[in-house]
PDB file of N, CA and C in Angstrom:
ATOM      1  N   MET A   1      -4.862 -15.587  28.293  1.00  0.00           N
ATOM      2  CA  MET A   1      -6.265 -15.862  28.099  1.00  0.00           C
ATOM      3  C   MET A   1      -6.468 -16.382  26.688  1.00  0.00           C
ATOM      4  N   LEU A   2      -7.098 -17.512  26.547  1.00  0.00           N
ATOM      5  CA  LEU A   2      -7.479 -18.044  25.245  1.00  0.00           C
ATOM      6  C   LEU A   2      -8.988 -18.108  25.199  1.00  0.00           C
ATOM      7  N   CYS A   3      -9.589 -17.573  24.149  1.00  0.00           N
ATOM      8  CA  CYS A   3     -11.032 -17.639  23.968  1.00  0.00           C
ATOM      9  C   CYS A   3     -11.317 -18.419  22.704  1.00  0.00           C
ATOM     10  N   PHE A   4     -12.140 -19.420  22.785  1.00  0.00           N
ATOM     11  CA  PHE A   4     -12.529 -20.203  21.624  1.00  0.00           C
ATOM     12  C   PHE A   4     -14.017 -19.966  21.407  1.00  0.00           C
ATOM     13  N   THR A   5     -14.372 -19.306  20.304  1.00  0.00           N
ATOM     14  CA  THR A   5     -15.760 -18.979  20.056  1.00  0.00           C
ATOM     15  C   THR A   5     -16.101 -19.220  18.605  1.00  0.00           C
ATOM     16  N   ARG A   6     -17.398 -19.283  18.323  1.00  0.00           N
ATOM     17  CA  ARG A   6     -17.869 -19.290  16.946  1.00  0.00           C
ATOM     18  C   ARG A   6     -17.744 -17.880  16.409  1.00  0.00           C
ATOM     19  N   GLN A   7     -17.755 -17.716  15.107  1.00  0.00           N
ATOM     20  CA  GLN A   7     -17.660 -16.388  14.514  1.00  0.00           C
ATOM     21  C   GLN A   7     -18.994 -15.669  14.685  1.00  0.00           C
ATOM     22  N   ASP A   8     -19.109 -14.935  15.744  1.00  0.00           N
ATOM     23  CA  ASP A   8     -20.327 -14.214  16.065  1.00  0.00           C
ATOM     24  C   ASP A   8     -19.915 -12.799  16.458  1.00  0.00           C
ATOM     25  N   PRO A   9     -20.306 -11.791  15.684  1.00  0.00           N
ATOM     26  CA  PRO A   9     -19.859 -10.427  15.992  1.00  0.00           C
ATOM     27  C   PRO A   9     -20.283  -9.951  17.371  1.00  0.00           C
ATOM     28  N   ARG A  10     -21.356 -10.504  17.938  1.00  0.00           N
ATOM     29  CA  ARG A  10     -21.775 -10.097  19.277  1.00  0.00           C
ATOM     30  C   ARG A  10     -20.714 -10.438  20.315  1.00  0.00           C
ATOM     31  N   VAL A  11     -19.962 -11.508  20.075  1.00  0.00           N
ATOM     32  CA  VAL A  11     -18.906 -11.881  21.016  1.00  0.00           C
ATOM     33  C   VAL A  11     -17.867 -10.778  21.074  1.00  0.00           C
ATOM     34  N   LEU A  12     -17.484 -10.236  19.910  1.00  0.00           N
ATOM     35  CA  LEU A  12     -16.494  -9.168  19.903  1.00  0.00           C
ATOM     36  C   LEU A  12     -17.019  -7.918  20.597  1.00  0.00           C
ATOM     37  N   GLU A  13     -18.314  -7.626  20.447  1.00  0.00           N
ATOM     38  CA  GLU A  13     -18.899  -6.483  21.121  1.00  0.00           C
ATOM     39  C   GLU A  13     -18.812  -6.653  22.636  1.00  0.00           C
ATOM     40  N   GLU A  14     -19.040  -7.874  23.122  1.00  0.00           N
ATOM     41  CA  GLU A  14     -18.991  -8.144  24.556  1.00  0.00           C
ATOM     42  C   GLU A  14     -17.579  -7.993  25.102  1.00  0.00           C
ATOM     43  N   LEU A  15     -16.575  -8.238  24.258  1.00  0.00           N
ATOM     44  CA  LEU A  15     -15.194  -8.171  24.709  1.00  0.00           C
ATOM     45  C   LEU A  15     -14.659  -6.741  24.740  1.00  0.00           C
ATOM     46  N   GLY A  16     -15.432  -5.782  24.261  1.00  0.00           N
ATOM     47  CA  GLY A  16     -15.044  -4.376  24.356  1.00  0.00           C
ATOM     48  C   GLY A  16     -13.907  -4.014  23.419  1.00  0.00           C
ATOM     49  N   ASP A  17     -12.790  -3.560  24.000  1.00  0.00           N
ATOM     50  CA  ASP A  17     -11.689  -3.007  23.220  1.00  0.00           C
ATOM     51  C   ASP A  17     -10.812  -4.057  22.551  1.00  0.00           C
ATOM     52  N   LEU A  18     -11.100  -5.316  22.731  1.00  0.00           N
ATOM     53  CA  LEU A  18     -10.272  -6.355  22.121  1.00  0.00           C
ATOM     54  C   LEU A  18     -10.368  -6.248  20.606  1.00  0.00           C
ATOM     55  N   ASN A  19      -9.240  -6.062  19.968  1.00  0.00           N
ATOM     56  CA  ASN A  19      -9.173  -5.973  18.518  1.00  0.00           C
ATOM     57  C   ASN A  19      -8.418  -7.211  18.041  1.00  0.00           C
ATOM     58  N   PRO A  20      -9.121  -8.301  17.702  1.00  0.00           N
ATOM     59  CA  PRO A  20      -8.427  -9.551  17.396  1.00  0.00           C
ATOM     60  C   PRO A  20      -7.579  -9.459  16.138  1.00  0.00           C
ATOM     61  N   LEU A  21      -6.486 -10.170  16.157  1.00  0.00           N
ATOM     62  CA  LEU A  21      -5.599 -10.278  15.016  1.00  0.00           C
ATOM     63  C   LEU A  21      -6.187 -11.302  14.063  1.00  0.00           C
ATOM     64  N   ARG A  22      -6.343 -10.946  12.807  1.00  0.00           N
ATOM     65  CA  ARG A  22      -6.904 -11.864  11.813  1.00  0.00           C
ATOM     66  C   ARG A  22      -5.800 -12.255  10.845  1.00  0.00           C
ATOM     67  N   LEU A  23      -5.632 -13.536  10.655  1.00  0.00           N
ATOM     68  CA  LEU A  23      -4.616 -14.052   9.739  1.00  0.00           C
ATOM     69  C   LEU A  23      -5.291 -14.606   8.499  1.00  0.00           C
ATOM     70  N   ALA A  24      -4.650 -14.428   7.360  1.00  0.00           N
ATOM     71  CA  ALA A  24      -5.189 -14.979   6.116  1.00  0.00           C
ATOM     72  C   ALA A  24      -5.207 -16.493   6.210  1.00  0.00           C
ATOM     73  N   ASN A  25      -6.262 -17.102   5.702  1.00  0.00           N
ATOM     74  CA  ASN A  25      -6.397 -18.550   5.722  1.00  0.00           C
ATOM     75  C   ASN A  25      -6.869 -18.998   4.341  1.00  0.00           C
ATOM     76  N   PRO A  26      -5.946 -18.991   3.351  1.00  0.00           N
ATOM     77  CA  PRO A  26      -6.359 -19.349   1.993  1.00  0.00           C
ATOM     78  C   PRO A  26      -6.900 -20.773   1.936  1.00  0.00           C
ATOM     79  N   SER A  27      -7.687 -21.031   0.924  1.00  0.00           N
ATOM     80  CA  SER A  27      -8.289 -22.354   0.763  1.00  0.00           C
ATOM     81  C   SER A  27      -7.210 -23.402   0.493  1.00  0.00           C
ATOM     82  N   PRO A  28      -7.417 -24.616   1.026  1.00  0.00           N
ATOM     83  CA  PRO A  28      -6.439 -25.682   0.760  1.00  0.00           C
ATOM     84  C   PRO A  28      -6.534 -26.152  -0.688  1.00  0.00           C
ATOM     85  N   GLN A  29      -5.505 -26.850  -1.106  1.00  0.00           N
ATOM     86  CA  GLN A  29      -5.504 -27.437  -2.441  1.00  0.00           C
ATOM     87  C   GLN A  29      -6.587 -28.510  -2.505  1.00  0.00           C
ATOM     88  N   PRO A  30      -7.135 -28.771  -3.700  1.00  0.00           N
ATOM     89  CA  PRO A  30      -8.161 -29.827  -3.825  1.00  0.00           C
ATOM     90  C   PRO A  30      -7.637 -31.161  -3.291  1.00  0.00           C
ATOM     91  N   GLY A  31      -8.498 -31.863  -2.566  1.00  0.00           N
ATOM     92  CA  GLY A  31      -8.125 -33.169  -2.028  1.00  0.00           C
ATOM     93  C   GLY A  31      -7.275 -33.098  -0.770  1.00  0.00           C
ATOM     94  N   ARG A  32      -7.126 -31.887  -0.188  1.00  0.00           N
ATOM     95  CA  ARG A  32      -6.318 -31.724   1.023  1.00  0.00           C
ATOM     96  C   ARG A  32      -7.163 -31.067   2.109  1.00  0.00           C
ATOM     97  N   GLU A  33      -6.857 -31.354   3.341  1.00  0.00           N
ATOM     98  CA  GLU A  33      -7.545 -30.744   4.472  1.00  0.00           C
ATOM     99  C   GLU A  33      -6.631 -29.717   5.110  1.00  0.00           C
ATOM    100  N   ARG A  34      -7.175 -28.561   5.458  1.00  0.00           N
ATOM    101  CA  ARG A  34      -6.398 -27.505   6.100  1.00  0.00           C
ATOM    102  C   ARG A  34      -6.334 -27.769   7.602  1.00  0.00           C
ATOM    103  N   LEU A  35      -5.139 -27.855   8.147  1.00  0.00           N
ATOM    104  CA  LEU A  35      -4.925 -27.947   9.588  1.00  0.00           C
ATOM    105  C   LEU A  35      -4.147 -26.707  10.005  1.00  0.00           C
ATOM    106  N   ARG A  36      -4.437 -26.173  11.167  1.00  0.00           N
ATOM    107  CA  ARG A  36      -3.722 -25.007  11.673  1.00  0.00           C
ATOM    108  C   ARG A  36      -2.980 -25.409  12.935  1.00  0.00           C
ATOM    109  N   HIS A  37      -1.713 -25.113  12.961  1.00  0.00           N
ATOM    110  CA  HIS A  37      -0.883 -25.442  14.113  1.00  0.00           C
ATOM    111  C   HIS A  37      -0.492 -24.150  14.814  1.00  0.00           C
ATOM    112  N   LEU A  38      -0.668 -24.101  16.111  1.00  0.00           N
ATOM    113  CA  LEU A  38      -0.240 -22.966  16.920  1.00  0.00           C
ATOM    114  C   LEU A  38       0.837 -23.443  17.875  1.00  0.00           C
ATOM    115  N   VAL A  39       1.919 -22.716  17.946  1.00  0.00           N
ATOM    116  CA  VAL A  39       2.949 -22.968  18.942  1.00  0.00           C
ATOM    117  C   VAL A  39       3.051 -21.688  19.753  1.00  0.00           C
ATOM    118  N   ILE A  40       2.681 -21.759  21.024  1.00  0.00           N
ATOM    119  CA  ILE A  40       2.651 -20.575  21.878  1.00  0.00           C
ATOM    120  C   ILE A  40       3.641 -20.775  23.016  1.00  0.00           C
ATOM    121  N   GLY A  41       4.537 -19.841  23.187  1.00  0.00           N
ATOM    122  CA  GLY A  41       5.536 -19.907  24.246  1.00  0.00           C
ATOM    123  C   GLY A  41       6.515 -18.763  24.094  1.00  0.00           C
ATOM    124  N   SER A  42       7.674 -18.894  24.688  1.00  0.00           N
ATOM    125  CA  SER A  42       8.699 -17.856  24.541  1.00  0.00           C
ATOM    126  C   SER A  42       9.191 -17.859  23.093  1.00  0.00           C
ATOM    127  N   PRO A  43       9.752 -16.736  22.621  1.00  0.00           N
ATOM    128  CA  PRO A  43      10.295 -16.728  21.257  1.00  0.00           C
ATOM    129  C   PRO A  43      11.316 -17.838  21.028  1.00  0.00           C
ATOM    130  N   GLU A  44      12.160 -18.091  22.024  1.00  0.00           N
ATOM    131  CA  GLU A  44      13.169 -19.148  21.879  1.00  0.00           C
ATOM    132  C   GLU A  44      12.519 -20.522  21.781  1.00  0.00           C
ATOM    133  N   GLY A  45      11.496 -20.755  22.615  1.00  0.00           N
ATOM    134  CA  GLY A  45      10.807 -22.037  22.606  1.00  0.00           C
ATOM    135  C   GLY A  45      10.050 -22.278  21.308  1.00  0.00           C
ATOM    136  N   VAL A  46       9.406 -21.232  20.798  1.00  0.00           N
ATOM    137  CA  VAL A  46       8.670 -21.363  19.539  1.00  0.00           C
ATOM    138  C   VAL A  46       9.643 -21.641  18.400  1.00  0.00           C
ATOM    139  N   ARG A  47      10.746 -20.886  18.337  1.00  0.00           N
ATOM    140  CA  ARG A  47      11.746 -21.127  17.278  1.00  0.00           C
ATOM    141  C   ARG A  47      12.323 -22.538  17.373  1.00  0.00           C
ATOM    142  N   ALA A  48      12.611 -22.998  18.591  1.00  0.00           N
ATOM    143  CA  ALA A  48      13.175 -24.345  18.765  1.00  0.00           C
ATOM    144  C   ALA A  48      12.189 -25.411  18.279  1.00  0.00           C
ATOM    145  N   THR A  49      10.910 -25.219  18.552  1.00  0.00           N
ATOM    146  CA  THR A  49       9.901 -26.179  18.119  1.00  0.00           C
ATOM    147  C   THR A  49       9.757 -26.169  16.602  1.00  0.00           C
ATOM    148  N   ILE A  50       9.766 -24.988  15.997  1.00  0.00           N
ATOM    149  CA  ILE A  50       9.708 -24.892  14.529  1.00  0.00           C
ATOM    150  C   ILE A  50      10.924 -25.585  13.913  1.00  0.00           C
ATOM    151  N   ASN A  51      12.098 -25.366  14.496  1.00  0.00           N
ATOM    152  CA  ASN A  51      13.307 -26.028  13.994  1.00  0.00           C
ATOM    153  C   ASN A  51      13.200 -27.546  14.121  1.00  0.00           C
ATOM    154  N   LEU A  52      12.675 -28.026  15.251  1.00  0.00           N
ATOM    155  CA  LEU A  52      12.526 -29.466  15.453  1.00  0.00           C
ATOM    156  C   LEU A  52      11.560 -30.066  14.430  1.00  0.00           C
ATOM    157  N   LEU A  53      10.438 -29.413  14.196  1.00  0.00           N
ATOM    158  CA  LEU A  53       9.483 -29.914  13.208  1.00  0.00           C
ATOM    159  C   LEU A  53      10.093 -29.920  11.804  1.00  0.00           C
ATOM    160  N   HIS A  54      10.995 -28.975  11.539  1.00  0.00           N
ATOM    161  CA  HIS A  54      11.708 -28.954  10.258  1.00  0.00           C
ATOM    162  C   HIS A  54      12.654 -30.147  10.159  1.00  0.00           C
ATOM    163  N   VAL A  55      13.429 -30.386  11.224  1.00  0.00           N
ATOM    164  CA  VAL A  55      14.367 -31.516  11.245  1.00  0.00           C
ATOM    165  C   VAL A  55      13.631 -32.841  11.083  1.00  0.00           C
ATOM    166  N   LEU A  56      12.442 -32.936  11.674  1.00  0.00           N
ATOM    167  CA  LEU A  56      11.629 -34.155  11.559  1.00  0.00           C
ATOM    168  C   LEU A  56      10.922 -34.255  10.201  1.00  0.00           C
ATOM    169  N   ARG A  57      11.133 -33.252   9.346  1.00  0.00           N
ATOM    170  CA  ARG A  57      10.564 -33.185   7.996  1.00  0.00           C
ATOM    171  C   ARG A  57       9.036 -33.121   8.016  1.00  0.00           C
ATOM    172  N   TYR A  58       8.506 -32.511   9.066  1.00  0.00           N
ATOM    173  CA  TYR A  58       7.058 -32.331   9.173  1.00  0.00           C
ATOM    174  C   TYR A  58       6.625 -31.015   8.536  1.00  0.00           C
ATOM    175  N   ALA A  59       7.364 -29.952   8.797  1.00  0.00           N
ATOM    176  CA  ALA A  59       7.002 -28.635   8.264  1.00  0.00           C
ATOM    177  C   ALA A  59       8.263 -27.818   8.011  1.00  0.00           C
ATOM    178  N   ASP A  60       8.376 -27.294   6.805  1.00  0.00           N
ATOM    179  CA  ASP A  60       9.515 -26.454   6.459  1.00  0.00           C
ATOM    180  C   ASP A  60       9.445 -25.154   7.253  1.00  0.00           C
ATOM    181  N   GLN A  61      10.584 -24.672   7.705  1.00  0.00           N
ATOM    182  CA  GLN A  61      10.623 -23.437   8.494  1.00  0.00           C
ATOM    183  C   GLN A  61       9.994 -22.266   7.745  1.00  0.00           C
ATOM    184  N   ALA A  62      10.147 -22.222   6.444  1.00  0.00           N
ATOM    185  CA  ALA A  62       9.647 -21.092   5.651  1.00  0.00           C
ATOM    186  C   ALA A  62       8.123 -21.051   5.575  1.00  0.00           C
ATOM    187  N   THR A  63       7.438 -22.139   5.935  1.00  0.00           N
ATOM    188  CA  THR A  63       5.977 -22.160   5.856  1.00  0.00           C
ATOM    189  C   THR A  63       5.312 -21.551   7.092  1.00  0.00           C
ATOM    190  N   TRP A  64       6.078 -21.305   8.145  1.00  0.00           N
ATOM    191  CA  TRP A  64       5.541 -20.698   9.362  1.00  0.00           C
ATOM    192  C   TRP A  64       5.474 -19.189   9.203  1.00  0.00           C
ATOM    193  N   SER A  65       4.521 -18.553   9.871  1.00  0.00           N
ATOM    194  CA  SER A  65       4.456 -17.095   9.859  1.00  0.00           C
ATOM    195  C   SER A  65       5.613 -16.537  10.677  1.00  0.00           C
ATOM    196  N   GLN A  66       5.786 -15.233  10.585  1.00  0.00           N
ATOM    197  CA  GLN A  66       6.722 -14.576  11.489  1.00  0.00           C
ATOM    198  C   GLN A  66       6.183 -14.718  12.906  1.00  0.00           C
ATOM    199  N   LEU A  67       7.025 -14.515  13.902  1.00  0.00           N
ATOM    200  CA  LEU A  67       6.555 -14.565  15.280  1.00  0.00           C
ATOM    201  C   LEU A  67       5.617 -13.389  15.529  1.00  0.00           C
ATOM    202  N   ILE A  68       4.497 -13.650  16.170  1.00  0.00           N
ATOM    203  CA  ILE A  68       3.481 -12.638  16.430  1.00  0.00           C
ATOM    204  C   ILE A  68       3.349 -12.493  17.938  1.00  0.00           C
ATOM    205  N   THR A  69       3.549 -11.294  18.440  1.00  0.00           N
ATOM    206  CA  THR A  69       3.423 -11.033  19.868  1.00  0.00           C
ATOM    207  C   THR A  69       1.948 -11.057  20.257  1.00  0.00           C
ATOM    208  N   ILE A  70       1.622 -11.793  21.303  1.00  0.00           N
ATOM    209  CA  ILE A  70       0.245 -11.865  21.789  1.00  0.00           C
ATOM    210  C   ILE A  70      -0.036 -10.590  22.569  1.00  0.00           C
ATOM    211  N   PRO A  71      -1.092  -9.859  22.188  1.00  0.00           N
ATOM    212  CA  PRO A  71      -1.394  -8.596  22.877  1.00  0.00           C
ATOM    213  C   PRO A  71      -1.871  -8.832  24.315  1.00  0.00           C
ATOM    214  N   GLU A  72      -1.848  -7.774  25.100  1.00  0.00           N
ATOM    215  CA  GLU A  72      -2.240  -7.830  26.515  1.00  0.00           C
ATOM    216  C   GLU A  72      -3.583  -8.519  26.755  1.00  0.00           C
ATOM    217  N   PRO A  73      -4.646  -8.209  25.966  1.00  0.00           N
ATOM    218  CA  PRO A  73      -5.933  -8.858  26.242  1.00  0.00           C
ATOM    219  C   PRO A  73      -5.983 -10.327  25.848  1.00  0.00           C
ATOM    220  N   GLY A  74      -4.990 -10.828  25.156  1.00  0.00           N
ATOM    221  CA  GLY A  74      -4.970 -12.232  24.762  1.00  0.00           C
ATOM    222  C   GLY A  74      -5.260 -12.409  23.290  1.00  0.00           C
ATOM    223  N   ILE A  75      -5.704 -13.613  22.924  1.00  0.00           N
ATOM    224  CA  ILE A  75      -6.021 -13.909  21.537  1.00  0.00           C
ATOM    225  C   ILE A  75      -7.416 -14.515  21.458  1.00  0.00           C
ATOM    226  N   LEU A  76      -8.028 -14.367  20.310  1.00  0.00           N
ATOM    227  CA  LEU A  76      -9.351 -14.903  20.058  1.00  0.00           C
ATOM    228  C   LEU A  76      -9.238 -15.828  18.860  1.00  0.00           C
ATOM    229  N   ILE A  77      -9.630 -17.077  19.028  1.00  0.00           N
ATOM    230  CA  ILE A  77      -9.567 -18.054  17.943  1.00  0.00           C
ATOM    231  C   ILE A  77     -10.992 -18.352  17.508  1.00  0.00           C
ATOM    232  N   THR A  78     -11.268 -18.183  16.225  1.00  0.00           N
ATOM    233  CA  THR A  78     -12.612 -18.429  15.712  1.00  0.00           C
ATOM    234  C   THR A  78     -12.557 -19.584  14.714  1.00  0.00           C
ATOM    235  N   PRO A  79     -12.931 -20.764  15.147  1.00  0.00           N
ATOM    236  CA  PRO A  79     -12.895 -21.922  14.258  1.00  0.00           C
ATOM    237  C   PRO A  79     -14.032 -21.886  13.243  1.00  0.00           C
ATOM    238  N   GLU A  80     -13.877 -22.664  12.201  1.00  0.00           N
ATOM    239  CA  GLU A  80     -14.948 -22.851  11.235  1.00  0.00           C
ATOM    240  C   GLU A  80     -15.979 -23.799  11.839  1.00  0.00           C
ATOM    241  N   GLN A  81     -17.219 -23.711  11.378  1.00  0.00           N
ATOM    242  CA  GLN A  81     -18.281 -24.586  11.867  1.00  0.00           C
ATOM    243  C   GLN A  81     -17.875 -26.051  11.701  1.00  0.00           C
ATOM    244  N   GLY A  82     -18.029 -26.840  12.734  1.00  0.00           N
ATOM    245  CA  GLY A  82     -17.733 -28.267  12.678  1.00  0.00           C
ATOM    246  C   GLY A  82     -16.296 -28.634  13.011  1.00  0.00           C
ATOM    247  N   GLU A  83     -15.407 -27.634  13.139  1.00  0.00           N
ATOM    248  CA  GLU A  83     -14.022 -27.943  13.480  1.00  0.00           C
ATOM    249  C   GLU A  83     -13.905 -28.291  14.968  1.00  0.00           C
ATOM    250  N   VAL A  84     -12.881 -29.019  15.295  1.00  0.00           N
ATOM    251  CA  VAL A  84     -12.569 -29.363  16.681  1.00  0.00           C
ATOM    252  C   VAL A  84     -11.118 -28.975  16.939  1.00  0.00           C
ATOM    253  N   PHE A  85     -10.681 -29.051  18.174  1.00  0.00           N
ATOM    254  CA  PHE A  85      -9.268 -28.826  18.449  1.00  0.00           C
ATOM    255  C   PHE A  85      -8.817 -29.722  19.583  1.00  0.00           C
ATOM    256  N   SER A  86      -7.518 -29.905  19.624  1.00  0.00           N
ATOM    257  CA  SER A  86      -6.886 -30.643  20.696  1.00  0.00           C
ATOM    258  C   SER A  86      -5.681 -29.820  21.130  1.00  0.00           C
ATOM    259  N   LEU A  87      -5.455 -29.729  22.402  1.00  0.00           N
ATOM    260  CA  LEU A  87      -4.360 -28.930  22.932  1.00  0.00           C
ATOM    261  C   LEU A  87      -3.342 -29.842  23.596  1.00  0.00           C
ATOM    262  N   LEU A  88      -2.096 -29.689  23.219  1.00  0.00           N
ATOM    263  CA  LEU A  88      -1.000 -30.415  23.849  1.00  0.00           C
ATOM    264  C   LEU A  88      -0.173 -29.401  24.625  1.00  0.00           C
ATOM    265  N   ARG A  89       0.009 -29.644  25.894  1.00  0.00           N
ATOM    266  CA  ARG A  89       0.896 -28.801  26.700  1.00  0.00           C
ATOM    267  C   ARG A  89       2.123 -29.633  27.000  1.00  0.00           C
ATOM    268  N   ARG A  90       3.274 -29.060  26.719  1.00  0.00           N
ATOM    269  CA  ARG A  90       4.508 -29.818  26.887  1.00  0.00           C
ATOM    270  C   ARG A  90       5.597 -28.877  27.371  1.00  0.00           C
ATOM    271  N   ASP A  91       6.361 -29.304  28.352  1.00  0.00           N
ATOM    272  CA  ASP A  91       7.490 -28.512  28.850  1.00  0.00           C
ATOM    273  C   ASP A  91       8.740 -28.911  28.094  1.00  0.00           C
ATOM    274  N   ARG A  92       9.636 -27.949  27.907  1.00  0.00           N
ATOM    275  CA  ARG A  92      10.917 -28.227  27.279  1.00  0.00           C
ATOM    276  C   ARG A  92      12.019 -27.736  28.197  1.00  0.00           C
ATOM    277  N   PRO A  93      13.164 -28.390  28.148  1.00  0.00           N
ATOM    278  CA  PRO A  93      14.268 -27.930  28.993  1.00  0.00           C
ATOM    279  C   PRO A  93      14.742 -26.542  28.546  1.00  0.00           C
ATOM    280  N   VAL A  94      15.068 -25.700  29.486  1.00  0.00           N
ATOM    281  CA  VAL A  94      15.593 -24.372  29.193  1.00  0.00           C
ATOM    282  C   VAL A  94      17.073 -24.379  29.481  1.00  0.00           C
ATOM    283  N   ASP A  95      17.840 -23.826  28.557  1.00  0.00           N
ATOM    284  CA  ASP A  95      19.312 -23.797  28.719  1.00  0.00           C
ATOM    285  C   ASP A  95      19.726 -22.917  29.868  1.00  0.00           C
TER     286      ASP A  95
END
């Protein structure tokens, strides 16, 4: 389950026992825009994608967070006002 909502505390009240995971989002450097990338899949698939992005020189492996297990109720994403998102779904071969 993915929920995309504005930051409204009433939404969390409606969701009951859902205790969303909050990640630090420090301000970007001046003259830069903050983009957030999510890779969701099996641990092997996420690691393989992080490694590929490193090989392509897009993102250093050390800049990614540790792997975070998605809890049973799912995740809640709260964008900043005016932000948009695009979702890419892609299959990868499994060994």
